[in-house]
Protein backbone atom coordinates (compact mmCIF):
# COMPACT_ATOMS: atom_id res chain seq x y z
CA MET A 1 -0.14 -0.20 -0.08
CA SER A 2 1.64 3.88 -0.85
CA LEU A 3 0.88 6.50 1.32
CA ALA A 4 -1.13 7.98 -1.59
CA PHE A 5 -3.50 5.44 -0.79
CA LEU A 6 -4.10 5.37 2.72
CA VAL A 7 -4.19 8.97 3.00
CA PHE A 8 -7.28 8.45 0.82
CA LEU A 9 -8.41 5.21 2.66
CA LEU A 10 -8.60 7.21 5.48
CA ALA A 11 -10.29 9.77 3.57
CA TRP A 12 -13.27 7.13 2.82
CA ILE A 13 -13.61 6.32 5.70
CA VAL A 14 -14.04 8.71 7.61
CA GLY A 15 -16.60 10.12 4.69
CA MET A 16 -18.55 7.16 5.27
CA VAL A 17 -18.99 7.52 8.68
CA GLY A 18 -19.61 10.53 7.82
CA THR A 19 -22.70 9.22 5.90
CA PHE A 20 -24.73 8.88 8.42
CA VAL A 21 -23.97 12.42 10.50
CA PRO A 22 -26.22 15.04 8.67
CA ALA A 23 -23.18 17.83 10.43
CA VAL A 24 -20.60 15.97 8.55
CA PRO A 25 -19.74 16.84 5.20
CA ALA A 26 -19.48 13.21 3.39
CA THR A 27 -18.84 13.89 -0.11
CA VAL A 28 -15.84 17.06 0.41
CA ILE A 29 -14.35 14.71 2.48
CA ILE A 30 -14.34 12.24 0.60
CA PHE A 31 -12.88 14.40 -2.40
CA ALA A 32 -11.06 16.00 -0.04
CA GLY A 33 -9.18 12.08 -0.09
CA THR A 34 -8.70 11.78 -3.21
CA VAL A 35 -7.50 15.08 -4.23
CA ALA A 36 -4.29 14.68 -1.29
CA ALA A 37 -4.17 11.30 -2.16
CA THR A 38 -3.73 12.43 -6.20
CA PHE A 39 -1.39 15.57 -5.12
CA ILE A 40 0.30 12.79 -3.42
CA ASN A 41 0.89 10.13 -6.12
CA GLY A 42 2.64 12.54 -8.26
CA PHE A 43 -0.37 14.80 -10.18
CA GLN A 44 -0.63 14.66 -13.99
CA VAL A 45 -2.26 16.65 -15.93
CA TRP A 46 -3.44 13.96 -17.85
CA PRO A 47 -5.09 12.11 -16.64
CA ASP A 48 -5.24 13.35 -13.13
CA LEU A 49 -6.70 16.50 -13.88
CA PRO A 50 -10.28 15.48 -15.81
CA PHE A 51 -10.96 12.83 -12.98
CA LEU A 52 -10.40 15.37 -10.57
CA LEU A 53 -12.66 17.75 -12.42
CA THR A 54 -14.93 15.18 -13.18
CA PHE A 55 -15.30 14.34 -9.34
CA ALA A 56 -15.71 18.51 -7.79
CA VAL A 57 -19.25 17.82 -9.79
CA ILE A 58 -20.02 14.40 -9.46
CA THR A 59 -18.89 15.53 -5.63
CA PHE A 60 -21.70 18.89 -5.76
CA LEU A 61 -23.58 16.42 -7.34
CA ILE A 62 -23.76 13.88 -4.34
CA SER A 63 -24.11 16.85 -2.14
CA MET A 64 -27.38 18.10 -3.99
CA ILE A 65 -28.59 14.72 -2.80
CA ASP A 66 -30.74 15.49 0.54
CA ASN A 67 -31.17 18.77 0.09
CA VAL A 68 -33.24 16.76 -3.37
CA ALA A 69 -34.58 13.54 -1.69
CA SER A 70 -35.74 15.38 1.55
CA ALA A 71 -37.94 18.50 -0.50
CA TRP A 72 -38.97 15.13 -2.47
CA GLY A 73 -40.39 13.05 0.35
CA ALA A 74 -42.21 16.55 1.68
CA ARG A 75 -43.81 17.31 -1.12
CA ARG A 76 -44.53 13.38 -2.24
CA TYR A 77 -46.22 13.58 1.40
CA GLY A 78 -47.63 16.35 1.47
CA GLY A 79 -45.51 18.08 3.92
CA SER A 80 -43.91 22.69 3.67
CA LYS A 81 -40.14 23.83 3.86
CA GLN A 82 -40.49 23.90 7.76
CA ALA A 83 -40.84 19.66 7.63
CA GLY A 84 -37.75 19.27 6.37
CA TRP A 85 -35.49 22.31 8.63
CA GLY A 86 -37.55 20.34 11.32
CA ALA A 87 -36.17 17.20 9.40
CA LEU A 88 -32.79 19.14 9.38
CA LEU A 89 -33.07 20.34 12.86
CA GLY A 90 -34.00 16.59 14.72
CA GLY A 91 -31.58 15.48 12.73
CA LEU A 92 -28.23 17.25 14.36
CA VAL A 93 -30.06 17.47 17.74
CA GLY A 94 -30.60 13.18 16.79
CA ILE A 95 -26.40 13.01 17.08
CA PHE A 96 -26.74 12.66 20.47
CA LEU A 97 -29.12 10.02 20.98
CA PRO A 98 -29.64 6.30 19.99
CA PHE A 99 -32.21 5.80 17.58
CA GLY A 100 -31.20 9.30 16.43
CA LEU A 101 -30.30 9.40 13.53
CA ILE A 102 -33.88 7.92 12.52
CA VAL A 103 -35.85 9.39 14.86
CA GLY A 104 -34.38 12.79 15.24
CA PRO A 105 -35.92 13.36 12.33
CA LEU A 106 -38.64 12.35 12.40
CA ALA A 107 -39.50 13.72 15.54
CA GLY A 108 -38.16 17.51 14.04
CA ALA A 109 -40.29 18.00 10.94
CA LEU A 110 -43.23 16.50 12.92
CA VAL A 111 -43.09 19.16 15.08
CA ALA A 112 -42.75 22.25 12.49
CA GLU A 113 -45.82 20.62 10.54
CA LEU A 114 -47.66 20.89 14.24
CA PHE A 115 -46.33 23.97 16.15
CA VAL A 116 -45.24 26.15 13.17
CA VAL A 117 -47.05 25.03 10.15
CA ARG A 118 -50.51 23.83 12.59
CA LYS A 119 -51.31 21.04 10.92
CA PRO A 120 -53.91 18.16 12.26
CA VAL A 121 -52.51 15.56 13.27
CA LEU A 122 -52.88 13.10 11.01
CA GLU A 123 -51.61 15.46 7.85
CA ALA A 124 -48.19 16.09 9.83
CA ILE A 125 -47.34 13.00 10.51
CA ARG A 126 -48.02 11.82 6.71
CA ALA A 127 -45.78 14.77 6.19
CA ALA A 128 -42.91 14.11 8.37
CA TRP A 129 -43.05 10.15 6.79
CA GLY A 130 -42.54 11.12 3.76
CA THR A 131 -39.75 13.31 5.26
CA LEU A 132 -38.25 10.65 6.44
CA ILE A 133 -38.90 8.46 3.32
CA GLY A 134 -36.82 11.54 1.74
CA LEU A 135 -33.82 11.64 3.56
CA LEU A 136 -33.65 7.93 3.87
CA THR A 137 -33.59 7.98 -0.70
CA GLY A 138 -31.18 10.45 -0.01
CA LEU A 139 -29.55 8.80 2.72
CA VAL A 140 -28.61 5.34 0.96
CA ALA A 141 -27.86 7.33 -2.32
CA LYS A 142 -25.17 8.92 -1.05
CA LEU A 143 -23.68 5.83 0.54
CA VAL A 144 -24.17 3.65 -2.86
CA LEU A 145 -22.03 6.53 -4.15
CA HIS A 146 -19.54 6.61 -1.30
CA LEU A 147 -19.26 3.14 -1.80
CA LEU A 148 -18.66 3.18 -5.95
CA ILE A 149 -15.98 6.40 -5.46
CA GLY A 150 -14.30 4.82 -2.67
CA VAL A 151 -13.29 1.55 -4.57
CA TYR A 152 -12.74 2.88 -8.13
CA GLU A 153 -10.27 5.31 -6.15
CA LEU A 154 -9.11 2.57 -4.46
CA TRP A 155 -8.61 0.50 -7.12
CA ARG A 156 -6.73 3.49 -9.06
CA LEU A 157 -4.33 3.77 -6.30
CA TRP A 158 -3.48 -0.09 -5.60
CA ASP A 159 0.12 -0.56 -7.00
CA PRO A 160 1.96 -3.11 -4.75
CA SER A 161 5.05 -1.58 -5.85
CA LYS A 162 4.75 1.45 -4.29
CA SER A 163 4.54 -0.12 -0.88
CA ILE A 164 5.99 2.19 1.96
CA PHE A 165 5.45 -1.68 4.07
CA GLY A 166 9.28 -2.63 1.91
């Protein structure tokens, strides 16, 4: 394993764990690991620059998945913008609670729908459920994309001849 491989592997592991924590920019961490590994490996304009630019665009698109998925879920099930914000805040609070990454967004969206938008209970539950479905859909999509990017980058960096272990 080369130093570049190990640097990316560490960033990728941190990013994979960060995928489950709403406040952690997991995709950006993985991208930063890719950039660092590319420069450690000896940056070459071709093929590294097109790869990094493509990966920058992919990073931006993956970062938007949370917003699009939660908005889709909220809209699909009759939720408001406030439900999306409530789900985000609930997810942040949920970091500190058991099963908080699931319960937090659901409770946050429900509280927002009940007390900010003042929807009836059944409508608020439906909207909160939709927000949760959207967030979980986005989480699964990000997890799969992070996994694919990581496997590709590890494959790209694998070079036993550059091993730091001799």
